[in-house]
Amino acid sequence: MDLKVVLLVVFLSALAITSTNASIPSCCISTQKFMPRKMLSKVERLERQYSNGVCDIDALKLYLKGRMRPICIDVQLEKAFVRIQNLNQQQIKRI
């Protein structure tokens, strides 16, 4: 094969991967069983990770202010976490 053809195929493949956002998924490998109360106020958003897809375990990914990587907590803590977030929002509205 000609070198130009190989370089063209590599370039087009790289372009396809970057344009379709087909990157390696960031899966939680382990989870924490608790979360310090201090971190609750720093949570910007959360995502649910399911084990039926690419990832191996169920987890709740918490994205904190000032951190690039999420913190993974056990999904059994999801209800408690959402309840605490709702209480915090209600306290903010009262002020």
Protein backbone atom coordinates (compact mmCIF):
# COMPACT_ATOMS: atom_id res chain seq x y z
CA MET A 1 0.00 0.00 0.00
CA ASP A 2 1.19 3.46 -0.72
CA LEU A 3 2.29 5.58 2.25
CA LYS A 4 -0.09 8.39 1.26
CA VAL A 5 -3.08 6.02 1.40
CA VAL A 6 -2.06 4.72 4.84
CA LEU A 7 -1.65 8.25 6.19
CA LEU A 8 -5.01 9.24 4.72
CA VAL A 9 -6.74 6.28 6.39
CA VAL A 10 -5.10 7.07 9.75
CA PHE A 11 -6.06 10.74 9.47
CA LEU A 12 -9.68 9.94 8.57
CA SER A 13 -9.92 7.42 11.40
CA ALA A 14 -8.62 9.96 13.91
CA LEU A 15 -11.03 12.55 12.58
CA ALA A 16 -13.97 10.14 12.86
CA ILE A 17 -13.10 9.26 16.44
CA THR A 18 -12.76 12.86 17.59
CA SER A 19 -15.80 14.15 15.75
CA THR A 20 -18.15 11.42 17.02
CA ASN A 21 -16.89 11.76 20.58
CA ALA A 22 -16.11 8.04 20.60
CA SER A 23 -13.76 8.06 23.53
CA ILE A 24 -12.99 5.52 26.18
CA PRO A 25 -15.72 5.67 28.84
CA SER A 26 -14.73 6.71 32.34
CA CYS A 27 -16.06 3.98 34.60
CA CYS A 28 -15.89 3.76 38.37
CA ILE A 29 -13.79 0.82 39.48
CA SER A 30 -14.76 0.98 43.16
CA THR A 31 -17.20 2.93 45.30
CA GLN A 32 -17.11 4.63 48.67
CA LYS A 33 -19.64 3.58 51.30
CA PHE A 34 -19.89 7.07 52.80
CA MET A 35 -19.32 10.69 51.85
CA PRO A 36 -18.07 13.42 54.18
CA ARG A 37 -20.68 16.10 54.88
CA LYS A 38 -18.19 18.82 53.87
CA MET A 39 -18.18 17.54 50.28
CA LEU A 40 -21.96 17.71 49.89
CA SER A 41 -21.90 21.45 49.34
CA LYS A 42 -19.30 21.09 46.57
CA VAL A 43 -21.36 18.74 44.36
CA GLU A 44 -22.08 20.32 40.98
CA ARG A 45 -23.82 17.39 39.32
CA LEU A 46 -24.24 13.66 39.55
CA GLU A 47 -24.52 10.81 37.07
CA ARG A 48 -25.69 7.25 37.49
CA GLN A 49 -23.41 4.51 36.16
CA TYR A 50 -25.08 1.22 35.27
CA SER A 51 -23.38 -2.15 35.17
CA ASN A 52 -25.34 -3.41 32.16
CA GLY A 53 -23.33 -1.31 29.71
CA VAL A 54 -19.62 -0.83 29.30
CA CYS A 55 -18.92 -0.47 33.03
CA ASP A 56 -18.69 -3.34 35.50
CA ILE A 57 -20.37 -1.90 38.60
CA ASP A 58 -23.34 0.27 39.52
CA ALA A 59 -22.22 3.58 40.98
CA LEU A 60 -23.21 7.16 41.54
CA LYS A 61 -20.64 9.61 40.12
CA LEU A 62 -20.44 12.94 41.94
CA TYR A 63 -18.68 15.82 40.20
CA LEU A 64 -17.28 18.31 42.71
CA LYS A 65 -16.21 21.93 42.25
CA GLY A 66 -12.47 22.14 41.73
CA ARG A 67 -12.01 18.45 40.86
CA MET A 68 -11.57 17.02 37.39
CA ARG A 69 -12.41 13.42 38.27
CA PRO A 70 -15.67 12.35 39.88
CA ILE A 71 -16.05 10.64 43.23
CA CYS A 72 -17.82 7.30 43.02
CA ILE A 73 -20.22 6.35 45.80
CA ASP A 74 -22.40 3.32 46.34
CA VAL A 75 -25.83 3.46 44.69
CA GLN A 76 -27.46 2.53 47.99
CA LEU A 77 -26.58 6.05 49.15
CA GLU A 78 -28.45 7.68 46.25
CA LYS A 79 -31.73 8.18 48.11
CA ALA A 80 -30.00 9.66 51.13
CA PHE A 81 -27.88 11.91 48.94
CA VAL A 82 -30.88 13.23 46.99
CA ARG A 83 -32.78 13.80 50.26
CA ILE A 84 -29.87 15.79 51.73
CA GLN A 85 -29.55 17.84 48.53
CA ASN A 86 -33.26 18.69 48.65
CA LEU A 87 -32.96 19.77 52.28
CA ASN A 88 -29.99 21.97 51.45
CA GLN A 89 -31.90 23.62 48.59
CA GLN A 90 -34.87 24.26 50.87
CA GLN A 91 -32.60 25.91 53.43
CA ILE A 92 -31.10 28.14 50.72
CA LYS A 93 -34.59 29.21 49.57
CA ARG A 94 -35.56 30.18 53.14
CA ILE A 95 -32.64 32.58 53.43
